Amino acid sequence: MDLEARSLQPNVKAVLLSKLREYKSDLNNLKSEHKRLASANSNQAARDDLLESGMADAMSVSANQRGRLMMSTERLNESSDRIKESRRTMLETEELGVSILQDLHQQRQSLLHANDTLHGVDDNISKSKKILTNMSRRMSRNKWIISSIIVVLVVAIALILYFKLSK
């Protein structure tokens, strides 16, 4: 109880620590009275005197202390329950964090794989573009060559016809 009282807020802490000191002093008083009563067992007259004079006071003090003890026990049980609940929540949160980290790791791996694939596709597209550019140049060159051959043949036919018809 002492440790729990010290860990609370300062305004509640002072009150609880003073009550705790009071309880400890009451407990020490009861222990000393118990020892005295136990030693008084041999002395019956002193025992009868103590019982008669302190019986009424002892009963009221005992009931009061019993009530305080029950309240303290109840607070202790409630605190234990809160600690157990906090521990359970902490473990659940830790498990959730581990799960999230694993998911993030898998997503990172997927993104890295997609990035590698994208670079490969980009390289292939660059190669394809170069090939298509070369093919387009060859087609243009071949068109010029075929056009030149057709023009040369048309001029040759025209010359042949001109010479044949002019003679």
N, C-alpha and C. Protein backbone atom coordinates (compact mmCIF):
# COMPACT_ATOMS: atom_id res chain seq x y z
N MET A 1 0.83 -1.18 0.00
CA MET A 1 0.00 0.00 0.00
C MET A 1 0.87 1.24 0.00
N ASP A 2 1.99 1.16 0.69
CA ASP A 2 2.88 2.30 0.79
C ASP A 2 3.41 2.68 -0.60
N LEU A 3 3.80 1.69 -1.38
CA LEU A 3 4.32 1.95 -2.73
C LEU A 3 3.23 2.53 -3.63
N GLU A 4 2.03 2.00 -3.52
CA GLU A 4 0.94 2.50 -4.35
C GLU A 4 0.61 3.94 -3.98
N ALA A 5 0.60 4.25 -2.69
CA ALA A 5 0.30 5.62 -2.25
C ALA A 5 1.37 6.59 -2.74
N ARG A 6 2.61 6.17 -2.79
CA ARG A 6 3.70 7.05 -3.22
C ARG A 6 3.66 7.31 -4.72
N SER A 7 3.03 6.42 -5.46
CA SER A 7 3.01 6.58 -6.91
C SER A 7 1.82 7.43 -7.38
N LEU A 8 0.96 7.86 -6.47
CA LEU A 8 -0.20 8.64 -6.86
C LEU A 8 0.16 10.12 -6.99
N GLN A 9 -0.84 10.93 -7.34
CA GLN A 9 -0.65 12.37 -7.50
C GLN A 9 -0.34 12.99 -6.14
N PRO A 10 0.40 14.10 -6.11
CA PRO A 10 0.84 14.70 -4.85
C PRO A 10 -0.30 15.07 -3.90
N ASN A 11 -1.43 15.59 -4.41
CA ASN A 11 -2.51 15.99 -3.51
C ASN A 11 -3.18 14.79 -2.84
N VAL A 12 -3.27 13.67 -3.52
CA VAL A 12 -3.86 12.46 -2.94
C VAL A 12 -2.80 11.72 -2.13
N LYS A 13 -1.57 11.83 -2.55
CA LYS A 13 -0.46 11.11 -1.94
C LYS A 13 -0.30 11.49 -0.47
N ALA A 14 -0.34 12.79 -0.16
CA ALA A 14 -0.14 13.25 1.21
C ALA A 14 -1.21 12.69 2.15
N VAL A 15 -2.46 12.72 1.69
CA VAL A 15 -3.57 12.23 2.52
C VAL A 15 -3.42 10.74 2.78
N LEU A 16 -3.12 10.00 1.71
CA LEU A 16 -3.01 8.55 1.86
C LEU A 16 -1.81 8.15 2.71
N LEU A 17 -0.70 8.86 2.58
CA LEU A 17 0.47 8.53 3.38
C LEU A 17 0.22 8.81 4.86
N SER A 18 -0.52 9.88 5.16
CA SER A 18 -0.82 10.16 6.58
C SER A 18 -1.75 9.08 7.14
N LYS A 19 -2.74 8.66 6.35
CA LYS A 19 -3.63 7.58 6.80
C LYS A 19 -2.84 6.29 7.00
N LEU A 20 -1.91 6.04 6.09
CA LEU A 20 -1.10 4.84 6.18
C LEU A 20 -0.24 4.85 7.45
N ARG A 21 0.34 6.01 7.79
CA ARG A 21 1.11 6.12 9.03
C ARG A 21 0.21 5.88 10.23
N GLU A 22 -1.00 6.42 10.15
CA GLU A 22 -1.96 6.22 11.26
C GLU A 22 -2.29 4.74 11.41
N TYR A 23 -2.49 4.07 10.28
CA TYR A 23 -2.81 2.63 10.32
C TYR A 23 -1.64 1.84 10.90
N LYS A 24 -0.43 2.24 10.50
CA LYS A 24 0.75 1.53 11.00
C LYS A 24 0.90 1.72 12.51
N SER A 25 0.64 2.95 12.97
CA SER A 25 0.76 3.19 14.42
C SER A 25 -0.33 2.42 15.17
N ASP A 26 -1.56 2.38 14.58
CA ASP A 26 -2.62 1.59 15.20
C ASP A 26 -2.23 0.12 15.25
N LEU A 27 -1.63 -0.36 14.18
CA LEU A 27 -1.20 -1.75 14.13
C LEU A 27 -0.13 -2.03 15.18
N ASN A 28 0.82 -1.12 15.31
CA ASN A 28 1.86 -1.29 16.32
C ASN A 28 1.27 -1.26 17.74
N ASN A 29 0.30 -0.36 17.96
CA ASN A 29 -0.37 -0.31 19.26
C ASN A 29 -1.08 -1.62 19.55
N LEU A 30 -1.77 -2.14 18.53
CA LEU A 30 -2.48 -3.41 18.72
C LEU A 30 -1.50 -4.55 18.99
N LYS A 31 -0.37 -4.53 18.31
CA LYS A 31 0.62 -5.59 18.54
C LYS A 31 1.16 -5.52 19.97
N SER A 32 1.46 -4.30 20.40
CA SER A 32 1.98 -4.17 21.77
C SER A 32 0.92 -4.55 22.79
N GLU A 33 -0.34 -4.19 22.52
CA GLU A 33 -1.42 -4.57 23.44
C GLU A 33 -1.60 -6.08 23.44
N HIS A 34 -1.43 -6.68 22.27
CA HIS A 34 -1.55 -8.14 22.18
C HIS A 34 -0.44 -8.81 22.99
N LYS A 35 0.77 -8.30 22.88
CA LYS A 35 1.88 -8.87 23.65
C LYS A 35 1.62 -8.71 25.16
N ARG A 36 1.14 -7.54 25.52
CA ARG A 36 0.86 -7.29 26.93
C ARG A 36 -0.24 -8.21 27.43
N LEU A 37 -1.28 -8.42 26.59
CA LEU A 37 -2.36 -9.31 26.98
C LEU A 37 -1.88 -10.75 27.07
N ALA A 38 -1.00 -11.11 26.14
CA ALA A 38 -0.49 -12.47 26.17
C ALA A 38 0.37 -12.70 27.41
N SER A 39 1.14 -11.68 27.77
CA SER A 39 1.96 -11.83 28.98
C SER A 39 1.09 -11.74 30.24
N ALA A 40 -0.03 -11.06 30.11
CA ALA A 40 -0.93 -10.91 31.26
C ALA A 40 -1.74 -12.17 31.52
N ASN A 41 -1.61 -13.13 30.65
CA ASN A 41 -2.36 -14.39 30.83
C ASN A 41 -1.98 -15.05 32.14
N SER A 42 -0.75 -14.89 32.54
CA SER A 42 -0.32 -15.49 33.80
C SER A 42 -0.87 -14.70 34.99
N ASN A 43 -1.10 -13.44 34.73
CA ASN A 43 -1.64 -12.60 35.80
C ASN A 43 -3.13 -12.39 35.53
N GLN A 44 -3.98 -13.18 36.12
CA GLN A 44 -5.41 -13.17 35.84
C GLN A 44 -6.07 -11.87 36.29
N ALA A 45 -5.63 -11.31 37.36
CA ALA A 45 -6.25 -10.09 37.86
C ALA A 45 -6.02 -8.94 36.90
N ALA A 46 -4.79 -8.82 36.39
CA ALA A 46 -4.48 -7.76 35.44
C ALA A 46 -5.26 -7.97 34.15
N ARG A 47 -5.43 -9.19 33.82
CA ARG A 47 -6.19 -9.52 32.61
C ARG A 47 -7.64 -9.12 32.76
N ASP A 48 -8.23 -9.44 33.88
CA ASP A 48 -9.63 -9.07 34.11
C ASP A 48 -9.79 -7.56 34.10
N ASP A 49 -8.84 -6.86 34.66
CA ASP A 49 -8.89 -5.40 34.71
C ASP A 49 -8.83 -4.82 33.30
N LEU A 50 -7.91 -5.35 32.48
CA LEU A 50 -7.80 -4.86 31.10
C LEU A 50 -9.06 -5.14 30.30
N LEU A 51 -9.59 -6.30 30.49
CA LEU A 51 -10.78 -6.67 29.73
C LEU A 51 -11.97 -5.80 30.10
N GLU A 52 -12.13 -5.52 31.35
CA GLU A 52 -13.28 -4.73 31.78
C GLU A 52 -13.14 -3.29 31.33
N SER A 53 -11.95 -2.70 31.51
CA SER A 53 -11.81 -1.27 31.22
C SER A 53 -11.68 -0.99 29.72
N GLY A 54 -11.00 -1.85 29.00
CA GLY A 54 -10.74 -1.55 27.59
C GLY A 54 -11.64 -2.26 26.61
N MET A 55 -12.59 -3.01 27.12
CA MET A 55 -13.44 -3.79 26.22
C MET A 55 -14.28 -2.90 25.31
N ALA A 56 -14.89 -1.90 25.89
CA ALA A 56 -15.74 -1.02 25.09
C ALA A 56 -14.90 -0.26 24.08
N ASP A 57 -13.75 0.29 24.53
CA ASP A 57 -12.88 1.04 23.63
C ASP A 57 -12.29 0.13 22.55
N ALA A 58 -11.88 -1.06 22.93
CA ALA A 58 -11.28 -2.00 21.99
C ALA A 58 -12.26 -2.41 20.92
N MET A 59 -13.51 -2.58 21.30
CA MET A 59 -14.52 -2.99 20.31
C MET A 59 -14.75 -1.89 19.29
N SER A 60 -14.88 -0.66 19.75
CA SER A 60 -15.11 0.44 18.80
C SER A 60 -13.88 0.68 17.94
N VAL A 61 -12.69 0.64 18.54
CA VAL A 61 -11.45 0.81 17.78
C VAL A 61 -11.27 -0.34 16.80
N SER A 62 -11.57 -1.54 17.26
CA SER A 62 -11.42 -2.72 16.41
C SER A 62 -12.37 -2.65 15.22
N ALA A 63 -13.61 -2.22 15.46
CA ALA A 63 -14.57 -2.12 14.36
C ALA A 63 -14.12 -1.04 13.38
N ASN A 64 -13.63 0.07 13.91
CA ASN A 64 -13.17 1.16 13.07
C ASN A 64 -11.96 0.72 12.24
N GLN A 65 -11.03 0.04 12.88
CA GLN A 65 -9.85 -0.44 12.18
C GLN A 65 -10.20 -1.52 11.16
N ARG A 66 -11.16 -2.32 11.52
CA ARG A 66 -11.61 -3.37 10.60
C ARG A 66 -12.21 -2.75 9.34
N GLY A 67 -13.00 -1.69 9.55
CA GLY A 67 -13.59 -0.99 8.40
C GLY A 67 -12.52 -0.37 7.52
N ARG A 68 -11.52 0.26 8.14
CA ARG A 68 -10.41 0.84 7.38
C ARG A 68 -9.64 -0.24 6.63
N LEU A 69 -9.42 -1.34 7.31
CA LEU A 69 -8.69 -2.44 6.69
C LEU A 69 -9.47 -3.00 5.49
N MET A 70 -10.77 -3.10 5.63
CA MET A 70 -11.60 -3.60 4.52
C MET A 70 -11.54 -2.63 3.34
N MET A 71 -11.59 -1.30 3.63
CA MET A 71 -11.50 -0.31 2.56
C MET A 71 -10.14 -0.38 1.88
N SER A 72 -9.10 -0.52 2.67
CA SER A 72 -7.75 -0.62 2.11
C SER A 72 -7.60 -1.87 1.25
N THR A 73 -8.15 -2.96 1.72
CA THR A 73 -8.09 -4.21 0.96
C THR A 73 -8.86 -4.06 -0.35
N GLU A 74 -10.01 -3.42 -0.29
CA GLU A 74 -10.80 -3.22 -1.50
C GLU A 74 -10.05 -2.34 -2.50
N ARG A 75 -9.42 -1.27 -2.01
CA ARG A 75 -8.63 -0.40 -2.89
C ARG A 75 -7.46 -1.17 -3.50
N LEU A 76 -6.83 -1.99 -2.69
CA LEU A 76 -5.72 -2.79 -3.18
C LEU A 76 -6.18 -3.75 -4.28
N ASN A 77 -7.32 -4.38 -4.07
CA ASN A 77 -7.86 -5.30 -5.09
C ASN A 77 -8.21 -4.55 -6.37
N GLU A 78 -8.81 -3.36 -6.23
CA GLU A 78 -9.14 -2.56 -7.41
C GLU A 78 -7.88 -2.16 -8.16
N SER A 79 -6.86 -1.77 -7.42
CA SER A 79 -5.59 -1.40 -8.05
C SER A 79 -4.97 -2.59 -8.76
N SER A 80 -5.04 -3.74 -8.15
CA SER A 80 -4.50 -4.96 -8.79
C SER A 80 -5.25 -5.25 -10.08
N ASP A 81 -6.58 -5.09 -10.04
CA ASP A 81 -7.38 -5.32 -11.25
C ASP A 81 -7.00 -4.33 -12.35
N ARG A 82 -6.80 -3.07 -11.96
CA ARG A 82 -6.41 -2.07 -12.96
C ARG A 82 -5.04 -2.40 -13.55
N ILE A 83 -4.14 -2.85 -12.72
CA ILE A 83 -2.80 -3.22 -13.22
C ILE A 83 -2.91 -4.40 -14.18
N LYS A 84 -3.73 -5.40 -13.83
CA LYS A 84 -3.90 -6.55 -14.73
C LYS A 84 -4.51 -6.11 -16.06
N GLU A 85 -5.51 -5.23 -16.00
CA GLU A 85 -6.15 -4.74 -17.22
C GLU A 85 -5.15 -3.94 -18.07
N SER A 86 -4.36 -3.12 -17.41
CA SER A 86 -3.35 -2.33 -18.13
C SER A 86 -2.32 -3.25 -18.78
N ARG A 87 -1.92 -4.28 -18.08
CA ARG A 87 -0.95 -5.24 -18.64
C ARG A 87 -1.55 -5.96 -19.85
N ARG A 88 -2.82 -6.36 -19.74
CA ARG A 88 -3.48 -7.03 -20.86
C ARG A 88 -3.56 -6.09 -22.07
N THR A 89 -3.91 -4.83 -21.81
CA THR A 89 -3.99 -3.84 -22.89
C THR A 89 -2.62 -3.63 -23.52
N MET A 90 -1.59 -3.59 -22.68
CA MET A 90 -0.23 -3.41 -23.18
C MET A 90 0.17 -4.57 -24.09
N LEU A 91 -0.16 -5.80 -23.68
CA LEU A 91 0.20 -6.97 -24.48
C LEU A 91 -0.56 -6.96 -25.81
N GLU A 92 -1.85 -6.59 -25.78
CA GLU A 92 -2.62 -6.51 -27.01
C GLU A 92 -2.03 -5.46 -27.94
N THR A 93 -1.65 -4.32 -27.38
CA THR A 93 -1.07 -3.25 -28.18
C THR A 93 0.25 -3.69 -28.78
N GLU A 94 1.05 -4.42 -28.01
CA GLU A 94 2.32 -4.91 -28.52
C GLU A 94 2.10 -5.89 -29.67
N GLU A 95 1.13 -6.79 -29.52
CA GLU A 95 0.83 -7.74 -30.59
C GLU A 95 0.37 -7.01 -31.85
N LEU A 96 -0.47 -5.99 -31.67
CA LEU A 96 -0.95 -5.21 -32.81
C LEU A 96 0.21 -4.50 -33.48
N GLY A 97 1.12 -3.95 -32.70
CA GLY A 97 2.29 -3.27 -33.26
C GLY A 97 3.16 -4.22 -34.07
N VAL A 98 3.37 -5.42 -33.54
CA VAL A 98 4.18 -6.41 -34.26
C VAL A 98 3.50 -6.78 -35.58
N SER A 99 2.18 -6.96 -35.53
CA SER A 99 1.43 -7.29 -36.75
C SER A 99 1.54 -6.17 -37.79
N ILE A 100 1.42 -4.94 -37.33
CA ILE A 100 1.52 -3.80 -38.25
C ILE A 100 2.91 -3.73 -38.86
N LEU A 101 3.94 -3.96 -38.04
CA LEU A 101 5.31 -3.94 -38.56
C LEU A 101 5.53 -5.02 -39.61
N GLN A 102 4.95 -6.20 -39.38
CA GLN A 102 5.09 -7.28 -40.36
C GLN A 102 4.39 -6.90 -41.67
N ASP A 103 3.19 -6.31 -41.56
CA ASP A 103 2.47 -5.87 -42.76
C ASP A 103 3.27 -4.81 -43.51
N LEU A 104 3.83 -3.86 -42.78
CA LEU A 104 4.64 -2.82 -43.42
C LEU A 104 5.87 -3.41 -44.11
N HIS A 105 6.47 -4.42 -43.48
CA HIS A 105 7.63 -5.07 -44.10
C HIS A 105 7.22 -5.75 -45.42
N GLN A 106 6.09 -6.44 -45.40
CA GLN A 106 5.62 -7.11 -46.62
C GLN A 106 5.30 -6.08 -47.71
N GLN A 107 4.67 -4.97 -47.32
CA GLN A 107 4.35 -3.94 -48.30
C GLN A 107 5.62 -3.32 -48.87
N ARG A 108 6.63 -3.15 -48.03
CA ARG A 108 7.90 -2.60 -48.49
C ARG A 108 8.52 -3.55 -49.52
N GLN A 109 8.50 -4.84 -49.21
CA GLN A 109 9.05 -5.82 -50.15
C GLN A 109 8.29 -5.79 -51.47
N SER A 110 6.96 -5.67 -51.39
CA SER A 110 6.15 -5.59 -52.61
C SER A 110 6.51 -4.35 -53.43
N LEU A 111 6.67 -3.22 -52.75
CA LEU A 111 7.01 -1.98 -53.45
C LEU A 111 8.40 -2.08 -54.09
N LEU A 112 9.35 -2.69 -53.39
CA LEU A 112 10.69 -2.85 -53.96
C LEU A 112 10.64 -3.76 -55.19
N HIS A 113 9.86 -4.84 -55.11
CA HIS A 113 9.72 -5.75 -56.26
C HIS A 113 9.06 -5.02 -57.43
N ALA A 114 8.00 -4.23 -57.13
CA ALA A 114 7.33 -3.47 -58.18
C ALA A 114 8.28 -2.45 -58.80
N ASN A 115 9.12 -1.83 -57.99
CA ASN A 115 10.09 -0.86 -58.49
C ASN A 115 11.09 -1.54 -59.42
N ASP A 116 11.58 -2.71 -59.04
CA ASP A 116 12.51 -3.45 -59.88
C ASP A 116 11.85 -3.84 -61.21
N THR A 117 10.61 -4.30 -61.12
CA THR A 117 9.87 -4.68 -62.33
C THR A 117 9.67 -3.46 -63.23
N LEU A 118 9.34 -2.32 -62.63
CA LEU A 118 9.13 -1.10 -63.40
C LEU A 118 10.40 -0.67 -64.11
N HIS A 119 11.54 -0.79 -63.43
CA HIS A 119 12.81 -0.45 -64.10
C HIS A 119 13.08 -1.40 -65.26
N GLY A 120 12.76 -2.67 -65.08
CA GLY A 120 12.93 -3.63 -66.18
C GLY A 120 12.04 -3.29 -67.36
N VAL A 121 10.80 -2.94 -67.09
CA VAL A 121 9.86 -2.57 -68.16
C VAL A 121 10.35 -1.29 -68.84
N ASP A 122 10.83 -0.34 -68.05
CA ASP A 122 11.34 0.92 -68.61
C ASP A 122 12.52 0.65 -69.55
N ASP A 123 13.41 -0.25 -69.15
CA ASP A 123 14.54 -0.61 -70.02
C ASP A 123 14.05 -1.24 -71.32
N ASN A 124 13.05 -2.14 -71.19
CA ASN A 124 12.50 -2.80 -72.38
C ASN A 124 11.83 -1.78 -73.31
N ILE A 125 11.13 -0.82 -72.73
CA ILE A 125 10.47 0.20 -73.55
C ILE A 125 11.52 1.04 -74.28
N SER A 126 12.61 1.37 -73.60
CA SER A 126 13.69 2.14 -74.24
C SER A 126 14.29 1.36 -75.41
N LYS A 127 14.51 0.08 -75.22
CA LYS A 127 15.06 -0.76 -76.30
C LYS A 127 14.08 -0.82 -77.46
N SER A 128 12.80 -1.00 -77.13
CA SER A 128 11.78 -1.08 -78.19
C SER A 128 11.71 0.23 -78.97
N LYS A 129 11.82 1.36 -78.28
CA LYS A 129 11.78 2.66 -78.94
C LYS A 129 12.95 2.80 -79.91
N LYS A 130 14.13 2.36 -79.48
CA LYS A 130 15.30 2.44 -80.35
C LYS A 130 15.10 1.56 -81.59
N ILE A 131 14.56 0.36 -81.36
CA ILE A 131 14.33 -0.56 -82.49
C ILE A 131 13.33 0.03 -83.47
N LEU A 132 12.23 0.60 -82.93
CA LEU A 132 11.21 1.19 -83.81
C LEU A 132 11.77 2.40 -84.55
N THR A 133 12.60 3.19 -83.89
CA THR A 133 13.22 4.34 -84.57
C THR A 133 14.11 3.87 -85.70
N ASN A 134 14.90 2.83 -85.45
CA ASN A 134 15.76 2.28 -86.50
C ASN A 134 14.93 1.72 -87.65
N MET A 135 13.84 1.03 -87.33
CA MET A 135 12.97 0.48 -88.38
C MET A 135 12.34 1.61 -89.20
N SER A 136 11.93 2.68 -88.55
CA SER A 136 11.34 3.81 -89.26
C SER A 136 12.37 4.46 -90.20
N ARG A 137 13.60 4.60 -89.74
CA ARG A 137 14.65 5.16 -90.60
C ARG A 137 14.90 4.26 -91.81
N ARG A 138 14.95 2.94 -91.58
CA ARG A 138 15.18 2.01 -92.70
C ARG A 138 14.03 2.08 -93.69
N MET A 139 12.77 2.18 -93.16
CA MET A 139 11.63 2.28 -94.08
C MET A 139 11.72 3.55 -94.92
N SER A 140 12.08 4.65 -94.29
CA SER A 140 12.20 5.91 -95.04
C SER A 140 13.30 5.79 -96.09
N ARG A 141 14.43 5.22 -95.71
CA ARG A 141 15.54 5.05 -96.64
C ARG A 141 15.12 4.14 -97.79
N ASN A 142 14.42 3.03 -97.46
CA ASN A 142 13.97 2.10 -98.51
C ASN A 142 12.97 2.78 -99.44
N LYS A 143 12.09 3.66 -98.91
CA LYS A 143 11.14 4.39 -99.76
C LYS A 143 11.88 5.30 -100.73
N TRP A 144 12.89 5.97 -100.25
CA TRP A 144 13.68 6.86 -101.11
C TRP A 144 14.42 6.07 -102.19
N ILE A 145 14.93 4.91 -101.76
CA ILE A 145 15.65 4.08 -102.75
C ILE A 145 14.67 3.58 -103.80
N ILE A 146 13.50 3.07 -103.39
CA ILE A 146 12.51 2.55 -104.35
C ILE A 146 12.01 3.69 -105.23
N SER A 147 11.76 4.86 -104.62
CA SER A 147 11.30 6.01 -105.41
C SER A 147 12.35 6.41 -106.43
N SER A 148 13.60 6.39 -106.03
CA SER A 148 14.69 6.75 -106.95
C SER A 148 14.78 5.73 -108.09
N ILE A 149 14.64 4.45 -107.76
CA ILE A 149 14.69 3.41 -108.80
C ILE A 149 13.52 3.60 -109.76
N ILE A 150 12.31 3.90 -109.22
CA ILE A 150 11.14 4.10 -110.09
C ILE A 150 11.37 5.31 -110.99
N VAL A 151 11.90 6.40 -110.45
CA VAL A 151 12.15 7.60 -111.26
C VAL A 151 13.18 7.27 -112.35
N VAL A 152 14.24 6.57 -111.97
CA VAL A 152 15.27 6.22 -112.95
C VAL A 152 14.66 5.33 -114.05
N LEU A 153 13.82 4.35 -113.66
CA LEU A 153 13.21 3.48 -114.66
C LEU A 153 12.25 4.26 -115.56
N VAL A 154 11.47 5.18 -114.96
CA VAL A 154 10.54 5.97 -115.78
C VAL A 154 11.33 6.84 -116.76
N VAL A 155 12.43 7.45 -116.28
CA VAL A 155 13.25 8.28 -117.17
C VAL A 155 13.87 7.40 -118.25
N ALA A 156 14.33 6.19 -117.87
CA ALA A 156 14.94 5.30 -118.86
C ALA A 156 13.90 4.87 -119.90
N ILE A 157 12.70 4.57 -119.48
CA ILE A 157 11.64 4.17 -120.41
C ILE A 157 11.29 5.36 -121.32
N ALA A 158 11.21 6.52 -120.68
CA ALA A 158 10.89 7.70 -121.49
C ALA A 158 11.98 7.96 -122.52
N LEU A 159 13.23 7.82 -122.16
CA LEU A 159 14.32 8.02 -123.11
C LEU A 159 14.29 6.96 -124.22
N ILE A 160 14.04 5.72 -123.80
CA ILE A 160 13.99 4.65 -124.80
C ILE A 160 12.84 4.94 -125.79
N LEU A 161 11.72 5.33 -125.29
CA LEU A 161 10.59 5.62 -126.17
C LEU A 161 10.88 6.85 -127.07
N TYR A 162 11.52 7.80 -126.45
CA TYR A 162 11.82 9.00 -127.22
C TYR A 162 12.78 8.68 -128.37
N PHE A 163 13.80 7.88 -128.08
CA PHE A 163 14.75 7.54 -129.13
C PHE A 163 14.12 6.60 -130.15
N LYS A 164 13.30 5.72 -129.74
CA LYS A 164 12.71 4.78 -130.65
C LYS A 164 11.66 5.50 -131.54
N LEU A 165 10.94 6.38 -130.98
CA LEU A 165 9.90 7.06 -131.74
C LEU A 165 10.50 8.18 -132.59
N SER A 166 11.56 8.70 -132.18
CA SER A 166 12.12 9.79 -132.98
C SER A 166 12.89 9.23 -134.18
N LYS A 167 13.24 8.10 -134.30
CA LYS A 167 13.95 7.58 -135.44
C LYS A 167 13.03 7.07 -136.43
